[in-house]
Amino acid sequence: YGPLIGSASRIAFGFVADKVGGAI
């Protein structure tokens, strides 16, 4: 479950990072 959750959030927030930047 741990790696599954960490992997899913990495995919989801890749799109967010393109919008708001990665530093935050």
mmCIF file of all heavy atoms, coordinates in Angstrom:
data_MODEL
# 
_entry.id   MODEL 
# 
loop_
_atom_site.group_PDB 
_atom_site.id 
_atom_site.type_symbol 
_atom_site.label_atom_id 
_atom_site.label_alt_id 
_atom_site.label_comp_id 
_atom_site.label_asym_id 
_atom_site.label_entity_id 
_atom_site.label_seq_id 
_atom_site.pdbx_PDB_ins_code 
_atom_site.Cartn_x 
_atom_site.Cartn_y 
_atom_site.Cartn_z 
_atom_site.occupancy 
_atom_site.B_iso_or_equiv 
_atom_site.pdbx_formal_charge 
_atom_site.auth_seq_id 
_atom_site.auth_comp_id 
_atom_site.auth_asym_id 
_atom_site.auth_atom_id 
_atom_site.pdbx_PDB_model_num 
ATOM 1   N N   . TYR A 1 1  ? 0.819  -1.211 0.000   1.00 0.00 ? 1  TYR A N   1 
ATOM 2   C CA  . TYR A 1 1  ? 0.000  0.000  0.000   1.00 0.00 ? 1  TYR A CA  1 
ATOM 3   C C   . TYR A 1 1  ? 0.857  1.268  0.000   1.00 0.00 ? 1  TYR A C   1 
ATOM 4   O O   . TYR A 1 1  ? 0.511  2.260  -0.644  1.00 0.00 ? 1  TYR A O   1 
ATOM 5   C CB  . TYR A 1 1  ? -0.932 0.028  1.221   1.00 0.00 ? 1  TYR A CB  1 
ATOM 6   C CG  . TYR A 1 1  ? -2.110 -0.896 1.108   1.00 0.00 ? 1  TYR A CG  1 
ATOM 7   C CD1 . TYR A 1 1  ? -2.211 -2.016 1.918   1.00 0.00 ? 1  TYR A CD1 1 
ATOM 8   C CD2 . TYR A 1 1  ? -3.142 -0.651 0.198   1.00 0.00 ? 1  TYR A CD2 1 
ATOM 9   C CE1 . TYR A 1 1  ? -3.299 -2.880 1.826   1.00 0.00 ? 1  TYR A CE1 1 
ATOM 10  C CE2 . TYR A 1 1  ? -4.229 -1.501 0.098   1.00 0.00 ? 1  TYR A CE2 1 
ATOM 11  C CZ  . TYR A 1 1  ? -4.300 -2.613 0.912   1.00 0.00 ? 1  TYR A CZ  1 
ATOM 12  O OH  . TYR A 1 1  ? -5.371 -3.461 0.809   1.00 0.00 ? 1  TYR A OH  1 
ATOM 13  N N   . GLY A 1 2  ? 1.981  1.244  0.737   1.00 0.00 ? 2  GLY A N   1 
ATOM 14  C CA  . GLY A 1 2  ? 2.824  2.435  0.823   1.00 0.00 ? 2  GLY A CA  1 
ATOM 15  C C   . GLY A 1 2  ? 3.379  2.864  -0.525  1.00 0.00 ? 2  GLY A C   1 
ATOM 16  O O   . GLY A 1 2  ? 3.141  3.996  -0.977  1.00 0.00 ? 2  GLY A O   1 
ATOM 17  N N   . PRO A 1 3  ? 4.112  1.986  -1.214  1.00 0.00 ? 3  PRO A N   1 
ATOM 18  C CA  . PRO A 1 3  ? 4.612  2.354  -2.534  1.00 0.00 ? 3  PRO A CA  1 
ATOM 19  C C   . PRO A 1 3  ? 3.494  2.695  -3.522  1.00 0.00 ? 3  PRO A C   1 
ATOM 20  O O   . PRO A 1 3  ? 3.675  3.545  -4.398  1.00 0.00 ? 3  PRO A O   1 
ATOM 21  C CB  . PRO A 1 3  ? 5.365  1.088  -2.979  1.00 0.00 ? 3  PRO A CB  1 
ATOM 22  C CG  . PRO A 1 3  ? 5.757  0.421  -1.708  1.00 0.00 ? 3  PRO A CG  1 
ATOM 23  C CD  . PRO A 1 3  ? 4.632  0.688  -0.753  1.00 0.00 ? 3  PRO A CD  1 
ATOM 24  N N   . LEU A 1 4  ? 2.340  2.029  -3.383  1.00 0.00 ? 4  LEU A N   1 
ATOM 25  C CA  . LEU A 1 4  ? 1.210  2.311  -4.270  1.00 0.00 ? 4  LEU A CA  1 
ATOM 26  C C   . LEU A 1 4  ? 0.746  3.756  -4.100  1.00 0.00 ? 4  LEU A C   1 
ATOM 27  O O   . LEU A 1 4  ? 0.552  4.493  -5.074  1.00 0.00 ? 4  LEU A O   1 
ATOM 28  C CB  . LEU A 1 4  ? 0.060  1.350  -3.961  1.00 0.00 ? 4  LEU A CB  1 
ATOM 29  C CG  . LEU A 1 4  ? -1.198 1.479  -4.825  1.00 0.00 ? 4  LEU A CG  1 
ATOM 30  C CD1 . LEU A 1 4  ? -0.913 1.020  -6.245  1.00 0.00 ? 4  LEU A CD1 1 
ATOM 31  C CD2 . LEU A 1 4  ? -2.340 0.657  -4.220  1.00 0.00 ? 4  LEU A CD2 1 
ATOM 32  N N   . ILE A 1 5  ? 0.608  4.176  -2.850  1.00 0.00 ? 5  ILE A N   1 
ATOM 33  C CA  . ILE A 1 5  ? 0.154  5.540  -2.566  1.00 0.00 ? 5  ILE A CA  1 
ATOM 34  C C   . ILE A 1 5  ? 1.200  6.558  -2.998  1.00 0.00 ? 5  ILE A C   1 
ATOM 35  O O   . ILE A 1 5  ? 0.889  7.587  -3.615  1.00 0.00 ? 5  ILE A O   1 
ATOM 36  C CB  . ILE A 1 5  ? -0.168 5.684  -1.063  1.00 0.00 ? 5  ILE A CB  1 
ATOM 37  C CG1 . ILE A 1 5  ? -1.435 4.880  -0.720  1.00 0.00 ? 5  ILE A CG1 1 
ATOM 38  C CG2 . ILE A 1 5  ? -0.330 7.150  -0.668  1.00 0.00 ? 5  ILE A CG2 1 
ATOM 39  C CD1 . ILE A 1 5  ? -1.725 4.796  0.766   1.00 0.00 ? 5  ILE A CD1 1 
ATOM 40  N N   . GLY A 1 6  ? 2.473  6.275  -2.696  1.00 0.00 ? 6  GLY A N   1 
ATOM 41  C CA  . GLY A 1 6  ? 3.540  7.194  -3.082  1.00 0.00 ? 6  GLY A CA  1 
ATOM 42  C C   . GLY A 1 6  ? 3.664  7.334  -4.590  1.00 0.00 ? 6  GLY A C   1 
ATOM 43  O O   . GLY A 1 6  ? 3.900  8.428  -5.106  1.00 0.00 ? 6  GLY A O   1 
ATOM 44  N N   . SER A 1 7  ? 3.469  6.240  -5.302  1.00 0.00 ? 7  SER A N   1 
ATOM 45  C CA  . SER A 1 7  ? 3.548  6.276  -6.772  1.00 0.00 ? 7  SER A CA  1 
ATOM 46  C C   . SER A 1 7  ? 2.374  7.050  -7.362  1.00 0.00 ? 7  SER A C   1 
ATOM 47  O O   . SER A 1 7  ? 2.531  7.846  -8.294  1.00 0.00 ? 7  SER A O   1 
ATOM 48  C CB  . SER A 1 7  ? 3.556  4.846  -7.329  1.00 0.00 ? 7  SER A CB  1 
ATOM 49  O OG  . SER A 1 7  ? 4.632  4.111  -6.809  1.00 0.00 ? 7  SER A OG  1 
ATOM 50  N N   . ALA A 1 8  ? 1.179  6.805  -6.817  1.00 0.00 ? 8  ALA A N   1 
ATOM 51  C CA  . ALA A 1 8  ? -0.018 7.487  -7.325  1.00 0.00 ? 8  ALA A CA  1 
ATOM 52  C C   . ALA A 1 8  ? 0.073  8.992  -7.107  1.00 0.00 ? 8  ALA A C   1 
ATOM 53  O O   . ALA A 1 8  ? -0.266 9.783  -7.996  1.00 0.00 ? 8  ALA A O   1 
ATOM 54  C CB  . ALA A 1 8  ? -1.261 6.923  -6.647  1.00 0.00 ? 8  ALA A CB  1 
ATOM 55  N N   . SER A 1 9  ? 0.537  9.411  -5.932  1.00 0.00 ? 9  SER A N   1 
ATOM 56  C CA  . SER A 1 9  ? 0.639  10.846 -5.668  1.00 0.00 ? 9  SER A CA  1 
ATOM 57  C C   . SER A 1 9  ? 1.721  11.479 -6.539  1.00 0.00 ? 9  SER A C   1 
ATOM 58  O O   . SER A 1 9  ? 1.613  12.643 -6.929  1.00 0.00 ? 9  SER A O   1 
ATOM 59  C CB  . SER A 1 9  ? 0.913  11.115 -4.182  1.00 0.00 ? 9  SER A CB  1 
ATOM 60  O OG  . SER A 1 9  ? 2.145  10.569 -3.761  1.00 0.00 ? 9  SER A OG  1 
ATOM 61  N N   . ARG A 1 10 ? 2.759  10.718 -6.887  1.00 0.00 ? 10 ARG A N   1 
ATOM 62  C CA  . ARG A 1 10 ? 3.800  11.250 -7.778  1.00 0.00 ? 10 ARG A CA  1 
ATOM 63  C C   . ARG A 1 10 ? 3.223  11.526 -9.163  1.00 0.00 ? 10 ARG A C   1 
ATOM 64  O O   . ARG A 1 10 ? 3.515  12.550 -9.781  1.00 0.00 ? 10 ARG A O   1 
ATOM 65  C CB  . ARG A 1 10 ? 4.963  10.264 -7.880  1.00 0.00 ? 10 ARG A CB  1 
ATOM 66  C CG  . ARG A 1 10 ? 6.114  10.791 -8.733  1.00 0.00 ? 10 ARG A CG  1 
ATOM 67  C CD  . ARG A 1 10 ? 7.358  9.949  -8.588  1.00 0.00 ? 10 ARG A CD  1 
ATOM 68  N NE  . ARG A 1 10 ? 8.517  10.621 -9.170  1.00 0.00 ? 10 ARG A NE  1 
ATOM 69  C CZ  . ARG A 1 10 ? 9.777  10.284 -8.941  1.00 0.00 ? 10 ARG A CZ  1 
ATOM 70  N NH1 . ARG A 1 10 ? 10.052 9.288  -8.138  1.00 0.00 ? 10 ARG A NH1 1 
ATOM 71  N NH2 . ARG A 1 10 ? 10.768 10.942 -9.499  1.00 0.00 ? 10 ARG A NH2 1 
ATOM 72  N N   . ILE A 1 11 ? 2.401  10.622 -9.664  1.00 0.00 ? 11 ILE A N   1 
ATOM 73  C CA  . ILE A 1 11 ? 1.774  10.827 -10.971 1.00 0.00 ? 11 ILE A CA  1 
ATOM 74  C C   . ILE A 1 11 ? 0.827  12.019 -10.918 1.00 0.00 ? 11 ILE A C   1 
ATOM 75  O O   . ILE A 1 11 ? 0.874  12.922 -11.766 1.00 0.00 ? 11 ILE A O   1 
ATOM 76  C CB  . ILE A 1 11 ? 1.003  9.568  -11.407 1.00 0.00 ? 11 ILE A CB  1 
ATOM 77  C CG1 . ILE A 1 11 ? 1.966  8.401  -11.611 1.00 0.00 ? 11 ILE A CG1 1 
ATOM 78  C CG2 . ILE A 1 11 ? 0.232  9.833  -12.698 1.00 0.00 ? 11 ILE A CG2 1 
ATOM 79  C CD1 . ILE A 1 11 ? 1.280  7.078  -11.864 1.00 0.00 ? 11 ILE A CD1 1 
ATOM 80  N N   . ALA A 1 12 ? -0.056 12.040 -9.921  1.00 0.00 ? 12 ALA A N   1 
ATOM 81  C CA  . ALA A 1 12 ? -1.071 13.094 -9.821  1.00 0.00 ? 12 ALA A CA  1 
ATOM 82  C C   . ALA A 1 12 ? -0.444 14.470 -9.687  1.00 0.00 ? 12 ALA A C   1 
ATOM 83  O O   . ALA A 1 12 ? -0.887 15.437 -10.330 1.00 0.00 ? 12 ALA A O   1 
ATOM 84  C CB  . ALA A 1 12 ? -1.989 12.808 -8.632  1.00 0.00 ? 12 ALA A CB  1 
ATOM 85  N N   . PHE A 1 13 ? 0.615  14.578 -8.887  1.00 0.00 ? 13 PHE A N   1 
ATOM 86  C CA  . PHE A 1 13 ? 1.199  15.891 -8.634  1.00 0.00 ? 13 PHE A CA  1 
ATOM 87  C C   . PHE A 1 13 ? 2.231  16.282 -9.687  1.00 0.00 ? 13 PHE A C   1 
ATOM 88  O O   . PHE A 1 13 ? 2.731  17.409 -9.660  1.00 0.00 ? 13 PHE A O   1 
ATOM 89  C CB  . PHE A 1 13 ? 1.783  15.940 -7.223  1.00 0.00 ? 13 PHE A CB  1 
ATOM 90  C CG  . PHE A 1 13 ? 0.729  16.122 -6.164  1.00 0.00 ? 13 PHE A CG  1 
ATOM 91  C CD1 . PHE A 1 13 ? 0.087  15.035 -5.604  1.00 0.00 ? 13 PHE A CD1 1 
ATOM 92  C CD2 . PHE A 1 13 ? 0.348  17.396 -5.761  1.00 0.00 ? 13 PHE A CD2 1 
ATOM 93  C CE1 . PHE A 1 13 ? -0.905 15.199 -4.652  1.00 0.00 ? 13 PHE A CE1 1 
ATOM 94  C CE2 . PHE A 1 13 ? -0.637 17.579 -4.812  1.00 0.00 ? 13 PHE A CE2 1 
ATOM 95  C CZ  . PHE A 1 13 ? -1.271 16.478 -4.247  1.00 0.00 ? 13 PHE A CZ  1 
ATOM 96  N N   . GLY A 1 14 ? 2.539  15.381 -10.632 1.00 0.00 ? 14 GLY A N   1 
ATOM 97  C CA  . GLY A 1 14 ? 3.352  15.786 -11.774 1.00 0.00 ? 14 GLY A CA  1 
ATOM 98  C C   . GLY A 1 14 ? 2.636  16.846 -12.592 1.00 0.00 ? 14 GLY A C   1 
ATOM 99  O O   . GLY A 1 14 ? 3.232  17.836 -13.041 1.00 0.00 ? 14 GLY A O   1 
ATOM 100 N N   . PHE A 1 15 ? 1.317  16.663 -12.766 1.00 0.00 ? 15 PHE A N   1 
ATOM 101 C CA  . PHE A 1 15 ? 0.511  17.655 -13.487 1.00 0.00 ? 15 PHE A CA  1 
ATOM 102 C C   . PHE A 1 15 ? 0.404  18.948 -12.681 1.00 0.00 ? 15 PHE A C   1 
ATOM 103 O O   . PHE A 1 15 ? 0.463  20.047 -13.230 1.00 0.00 ? 15 PHE A O   1 
ATOM 104 C CB  . PHE A 1 15 ? -0.900 17.093 -13.744 1.00 0.00 ? 15 PHE A CB  1 
ATOM 105 C CG  . PHE A 1 15 ? -0.915 15.862 -14.605 1.00 0.00 ? 15 PHE A CG  1 
ATOM 106 C CD1 . PHE A 1 15 ? -0.920 14.588 -14.050 1.00 0.00 ? 15 PHE A CD1 1 
ATOM 107 C CD2 . PHE A 1 15 ? -0.906 15.971 -15.994 1.00 0.00 ? 15 PHE A CD2 1 
ATOM 108 C CE1 . PHE A 1 15 ? -0.936 13.456 -14.847 1.00 0.00 ? 15 PHE A CE1 1 
ATOM 109 C CE2 . PHE A 1 15 ? -0.918 14.844 -16.800 1.00 0.00 ? 15 PHE A CE2 1 
ATOM 110 C CZ  . PHE A 1 15 ? -0.929 13.576 -16.224 1.00 0.00 ? 15 PHE A CZ  1 
ATOM 111 N N   . VAL A 1 16 ? 0.260  18.805 -11.350 1.00 0.00 ? 16 VAL A N   1 
ATOM 112 C CA  . VAL A 1 16 ? 0.161  19.980 -10.484 1.00 0.00 ? 16 VAL A CA  1 
ATOM 113 C C   . VAL A 1 16 ? 1.459  20.780 -10.534 1.00 0.00 ? 16 VAL A C   1 
ATOM 114 O O   . VAL A 1 16 ? 1.436  22.020 -10.575 1.00 0.00 ? 16 VAL A O   1 
ATOM 115 C CB  . VAL A 1 16 ? -0.148 19.555 -9.030  1.00 0.00 ? 16 VAL A CB  1 
ATOM 116 C CG1 . VAL A 1 16 ? -0.139 20.769 -8.104  1.00 0.00 ? 16 VAL A CG1 1 
ATOM 117 C CG2 . VAL A 1 16 ? -1.483 18.834 -8.956  1.00 0.00 ? 16 VAL A CG2 1 
ATOM 118 N N   . ALA A 1 17 ? 2.599  20.075 -10.554 1.00 0.00 ? 17 ALA A N   1 
ATOM 119 C CA  . ALA A 1 17 ? 3.900  20.748 -10.572 1.00 0.00 ? 17 ALA A CA  1 
ATOM 120 C C   . ALA A 1 17 ? 4.069  21.604 -11.815 1.00 0.00 ? 17 ALA A C   1 
ATOM 121 O O   . ALA A 1 17 ? 4.668  22.686 -11.761 1.00 0.00 ? 17 ALA A O   1 
ATOM 122 C CB  . ALA A 1 17 ? 5.025  19.709 -10.490 1.00 0.00 ? 17 ALA A CB  1 
ATOM 123 N N   . ASP A 1 18 ? 3.535  21.150 -12.949 1.00 0.00 ? 18 ASP A N   1 
ATOM 124 C CA  . ASP A 1 18 ? 3.610  21.948 -14.174 1.00 0.00 ? 18 ASP A CA  1 
ATOM 125 C C   . ASP A 1 18 ? 2.806  23.238 -14.062 1.00 0.00 ? 18 ASP A C   1 
ATOM 126 O O   . ASP A 1 18 ? 3.092  24.221 -14.747 1.00 0.00 ? 18 ASP A O   1 
ATOM 127 C CB  . ASP A 1 18 ? 3.105  21.124 -15.375 1.00 0.00 ? 18 ASP A CB  1 
ATOM 128 C CG  . ASP A 1 18 ? 4.191  20.225 -15.954 1.00 0.00 ? 18 ASP A CG  1 
ATOM 129 O OD1 . ASP A 1 18 ? 5.373  20.532 -15.759 1.00 0.00 ? 18 ASP A OD1 1 
ATOM 130 O OD2 . ASP A 1 18 ? 3.850  19.213 -16.581 1.00 0.00 ? 18 ASP A OD2 1 
ATOM 131 N N   . LYS A 1 19 ? 1.813  23.236 -13.187 1.00 0.00 ? 19 LYS A N   1 
ATOM 132 C CA  . LYS A 1 19 ? 0.942  24.409 -13.028 1.00 0.00 ? 19 LYS A CA  1 
ATOM 133 C C   . LYS A 1 19 ? 1.444  25.381 -11.961 1.00 0.00 ? 19 LYS A C   1 
ATOM 134 O O   . LYS A 1 19 ? 1.452  26.595 -12.165 1.00 0.00 ? 19 LYS A O   1 
ATOM 135 C CB  . LYS A 1 19 ? -0.481 23.955 -12.659 1.00 0.00 ? 19 LYS A CB  1 
ATOM 136 C CG  . LYS A 1 19 ? -1.145 23.052 -13.695 1.00 0.00 ? 19 LYS A CG  1 
ATOM 137 C CD  . LYS A 1 19 ? -1.374 23.760 -15.016 1.00 0.00 ? 19 LYS A CD  1 
ATOM 138 C CE  . LYS A 1 19 ? -2.106 22.861 -16.009 1.00 0.00 ? 19 LYS A CE  1 
ATOM 139 N NZ  . LYS A 1 19 ? -2.297 23.519 -17.330 1.00 0.00 ? 19 LYS A NZ  1 
ATOM 140 N N   . VAL A 1 20 ? 1.867  24.846 -10.806 1.00 0.00 ? 20 VAL A N   1 
ATOM 141 C CA  . VAL A 1 20 ? 2.210  25.718 -9.670  1.00 0.00 ? 20 VAL A CA  1 
ATOM 142 C C   . VAL A 1 20 ? 3.710  25.758 -9.392  1.00 0.00 ? 20 VAL A C   1 
ATOM 143 O O   . VAL A 1 20 ? 4.156  26.512 -8.522  1.00 0.00 ? 20 VAL A O   1 
ATOM 144 C CB  . VAL A 1 20 ? 1.461  25.279 -8.393  1.00 0.00 ? 20 VAL A CB  1 
ATOM 145 C CG1 . VAL A 1 20 ? -0.036 25.256 -8.632  1.00 0.00 ? 20 VAL A CG1 1 
ATOM 146 C CG2 . VAL A 1 20 ? 1.944  23.912 -7.898  1.00 0.00 ? 20 VAL A CG2 1 
ATOM 147 N N   . GLY A 1 21 ? 4.496  24.939 -10.095 1.00 0.00 ? 21 GLY A N   1 
ATOM 148 C CA  . GLY A 1 21 ? 5.926  24.858 -9.807  1.00 0.00 ? 21 GLY A CA  1 
ATOM 149 C C   . GLY A 1 21 ? 6.219  23.732 -8.835  1.00 0.00 ? 21 GLY A C   1 
ATOM 150 O O   . GLY A 1 21 ? 5.333  23.276 -8.094  1.00 0.00 ? 21 GLY A O   1 
ATOM 151 N N   . GLY A 1 22 ? 7.462  23.281 -8.819  1.00 0.00 ? 22 GLY A N   1 
ATOM 152 C CA  . GLY A 1 22 ? 7.811  22.152 -7.976  1.00 0.00 ? 22 GLY A CA  1 
ATOM 153 C C   . GLY A 1 22 ? 8.255  22.515 -6.573  1.00 0.00 ? 22 GLY A C   1 
ATOM 154 O O   . GLY A 1 22 ? 8.104  21.728 -5.643  1.00 0.00 ? 22 GLY A O   1 
ATOM 155 N N   . ALA A 1 23 ? 8.788  23.718 -6.387  1.00 0.00 ? 23 ALA A N   1 
ATOM 156 C CA  . ALA A 1 23 ? 9.389  24.078 -5.095  1.00 0.00 ? 23 ALA A CA  1 
ATOM 157 C C   . ALA A 1 23 ? 8.386  24.039 -3.952  1.00 0.00 ? 23 ALA A C   1 
ATOM 158 O O   . ALA A 1 23 ? 8.693  23.536 -2.867  1.00 0.00 ? 23 ALA A O   1 
ATOM 159 C CB  . ALA A 1 23 ? 10.032 25.458 -5.189  1.00 0.00 ? 23 ALA A CB  1 
ATOM 160 N N   . ILE A 1 24 ? 7.185  24.547 -4.174  1.00 0.00 ? 24 ILE A N   1 
ATOM 161 C CA  . ILE A 1 24 ? 6.178  24.560 -3.106  1.00 0.00 ? 24 ILE A CA  1 
ATOM 162 C C   . ILE A 1 24 ? 5.796  23.139 -2.713  1.00 0.00 ? 24 ILE A C   1 
ATOM 163 O O   . ILE A 1 24 ? 5.554  22.841 -1.543  1.00 0.00 ? 24 ILE A O   1 
ATOM 164 C CB  . ILE A 1 24 ? 4.924  25.368 -3.548  1.00 0.00 ? 24 ILE A CB  1 
ATOM 165 C CG1 . ILE A 1 24 ? 3.902  25.414 -2.424  1.00 0.00 ? 24 ILE A CG1 1 
ATOM 166 C CG2 . ILE A 1 24 ? 4.312  24.800 -4.809  1.00 0.00 ? 24 ILE A CG2 1 
ATOM 167 C CD1 . ILE A 1 24 ? 4.378  26.097 -1.174  1.00 0.00 ? 24 ILE A CD1 1 
# 
